[in-house]
């Protein structure tokens, strides 16, 4: 097939339909790939931040319970 016959085929109604269909297919595939990548990255980020799918922080057992150690009066007497 030479260039002229390919060009004639490309500018026919059927040729243009094929090109538009291929463009639409490529755009749909790109959109799906981007959406899949976005979902994967969001899952990784949520896992790293400890978030559950309903956007509430996930606490580990015992989290939030901190002990504050205050100096004893006996310790103060021994240092002066």
C-alpha atoms as a PDB file:
ATOM      1  CA  UNK A   1       0.000   0.000   0.000  1.00  0.00           C
ATOM      2  CA  UNK A   2       1.458   3.365  -0.884  1.00  0.00           C
ATOM      3  CA  UNK A   3       0.977   6.701   0.804  1.00  0.00           C
ATOM      4  CA  UNK A   4      -1.663   7.978  -1.565  1.00  0.00           C
ATOM      5  CA  UNK A   5      -3.961   4.999  -1.099  1.00  0.00           C
ATOM      6  CA  UNK A   6      -3.544   5.166   2.697  1.00  0.00           C
ATOM      7  CA  UNK A   7      -4.395   8.865   2.624  1.00  0.00           C
ATOM      8  CA  UNK A   8      -7.451   8.242   0.431  1.00  0.00           C
ATOM      9  CA  UNK A   9      -8.633   5.538   2.817  1.00  0.00           C
ATOM     10  CA  UNK A  10      -8.056   7.735   5.857  1.00  0.00           C
ATOM     11  CA  UNK A  11     -10.193  10.607   4.573  1.00  0.00           C
ATOM     12  CA  UNK A  12     -13.198   8.477   3.649  1.00  0.00           C
ATOM     13  CA  UNK A  13     -16.216   8.390   5.954  1.00  0.00           C
ATOM     14  CA  UNK A  14     -15.323   4.905   7.148  1.00  0.00           C
ATOM     15  CA  UNK A  15     -11.675   5.849   7.635  1.00  0.00           C
ATOM     16  CA  UNK A  16     -12.633   8.893   9.711  1.00  0.00           C
ATOM     17  CA  UNK A  17     -15.045   6.781  11.790  1.00  0.00           C
ATOM     18  CA  UNK A  18     -12.248   4.302  12.456  1.00  0.00           C
ATOM     19  CA  UNK A  19      -9.891   7.067  13.562  1.00  0.00           C
ATOM     20  CA  UNK A  20     -12.493   8.659  15.828  1.00  0.00           C
ATOM     21  CA  UNK A  21     -13.321   5.240  17.299  1.00  0.00           C
ATOM     22  CA  UNK A  22      -9.642   4.533  17.951  1.00  0.00           C
ATOM     23  CA  UNK A  23      -9.237   7.944  19.573  1.00  0.00           C
ATOM     24  CA  UNK A  24     -12.257   7.339  21.816  1.00  0.00           C
ATOM     25  CA  UNK A  25     -10.938   3.905  22.775  1.00  0.00           C
ATOM     26  CA  UNK A  26      -7.523   5.350  23.615  1.00  0.00           C
ATOM     27  CA  UNK A  27      -9.106   8.090  25.742  1.00  0.00           C
ATOM     28  CA  UNK A  28     -11.265   5.546  27.595  1.00  0.00           C
ATOM     29  CA  UNK A  29      -8.250   3.313  28.273  1.00  0.00           C
ATOM     30  CA  UNK A  30      -6.241   6.280  29.542  1.00  0.00           C
ATOM     31  CA  UNK A  31      -9.093   7.359  31.828  1.00  0.00           C
ATOM     32  CA  UNK A  32      -9.363   3.835  33.272  1.00  0.00           C
ATOM     33  CA  UNK A  33      -5.597   3.631  33.867  1.00  0.00           C
ATOM     34  CA  UNK A  34      -5.560   7.003  35.625  1.00  0.00           C
ATOM     35  CA  UNK A  35      -8.550   6.054  37.787  1.00  0.00           C
ATOM     36  CA  UNK A  36      -6.914   2.749  38.742  1.00  0.00           C
ATOM     37  CA  UNK A  37      -3.644   4.464  39.633  1.00  0.00           C
ATOM     38  CA  UNK A  38      -5.502   7.074  41.671  1.00  0.00           C
ATOM     39  CA  UNK A  39      -7.343   4.365  43.609  1.00  0.00           C
ATOM     40  CA  UNK A  40      -4.104   2.489  44.332  1.00  0.00           C
ATOM     41  CA  UNK A  41      -2.300   5.624  45.540  1.00  0.00           C
ATOM     42  CA  UNK A  42      -5.270   6.635  47.682  1.00  0.00           C
ATOM     43  CA  UNK A  43      -5.292   3.179  49.287  1.00  0.00           C
ATOM     44  CA  UNK A  44      -1.535   3.389  49.961  1.00  0.00           C
ATOM     45  CA  UNK A  45      -1.899   6.864  51.455  1.00  0.00           C
ATOM     46  CA  UNK A  46      -4.812   5.824  53.672  1.00  0.00           C
ATOM     47  CA  UNK A  47      -2.827   2.808  54.877  1.00  0.00           C
ATOM     48  CA  UNK A  48       0.175   5.005  55.632  1.00  0.00           C
ATOM     49  CA  UNK A  49      -1.953   7.523  57.553  1.00  0.00           C
ATOM     50  CA  UNK A  50      -3.992   4.867  59.343  1.00  0.00           C
ATOM     51  CA  UNK A  51      -7.342   5.962  57.913  1.00  0.00           C
ATOM     52  CA  UNK A  52     -10.269   3.657  57.367  1.00  0.00           C
ATOM     53  CA  UNK A  53     -12.361   3.801  54.180  1.00  0.00           C
ATOM     54  CA  UNK A  54     -15.042   5.913  55.910  1.00  0.00           C
ATOM     55  CA  UNK A  55     -12.430   8.662  56.503  1.00  0.00           C
ATOM     56  CA  UNK A  56     -12.232   8.279  60.280  1.00  0.00           C
ATOM     57  CA  UNK A  57      -8.876   7.874  61.973  1.00  0.00           C
ATOM     58  CA  UNK A  58      -8.148   4.356  63.068  1.00  0.00           C
ATOM     59  CA  UNK A  59      -6.696   4.202  66.562  1.00  0.00           C
ATOM     60  CA  UNK A  60      -4.484   1.443  67.799  1.00  0.00           C
ATOM     61  CA  UNK A  61      -5.436  -0.288  71.059  1.00  0.00           C
ATOM     62  CA  UNK A  62      -4.182   1.731  73.991  1.00  0.00           C
ATOM     63  CA  UNK A  63      -3.515   4.791  71.875  1.00  0.00           C
ATOM     64  CA  UNK A  64      -4.271   8.067  73.556  1.00  0.00           C
ATOM     65  CA  UNK A  65      -3.413   6.783  77.010  1.00  0.00           C
ATOM     66  CA  UNK A  66      -0.267   8.541  78.066  1.00  0.00           C
ATOM     67  CA  UNK A  67       1.234   8.522  81.492  1.00  0.00           C
ATOM     68  CA  UNK A  68       2.661  11.668  82.891  1.00  0.00           C
ATOM     69  CA  UNK A  69       5.265  11.005  85.494  1.00  0.00           C
ATOM     70  CA  UNK A  70       5.405  13.717  88.084  1.00  0.00           C
ATOM     71  CA  UNK A  71       8.427  14.078  90.333  1.00  0.00           C
ATOM     72  CA  UNK A  72       7.881  12.885  93.891  1.00  0.00           C
ATOM     73  CA  UNK A  73       8.341  15.253  96.801  1.00  0.00           C
ATOM     74  CA  UNK A  74      11.039  12.910  98.094  1.00  0.00           C
ATOM     75  CA  UNK A  75      13.070  13.419  94.927  1.00  0.00           C
ATOM     76  CA  UNK A  76      12.926  17.176  95.378  1.00  0.00           C
ATOM     77  CA  UNK A  77      14.290  16.972  98.920  1.00  0.00           C
ATOM     78  CA  UNK A  78      17.287  14.915  97.850  1.00  0.00           C
ATOM     79  CA  UNK A  79      18.415  17.335  95.141  1.00  0.00           C
ATOM     80  CA  UNK A  80      18.731  20.474  97.328  1.00  0.00           C
END
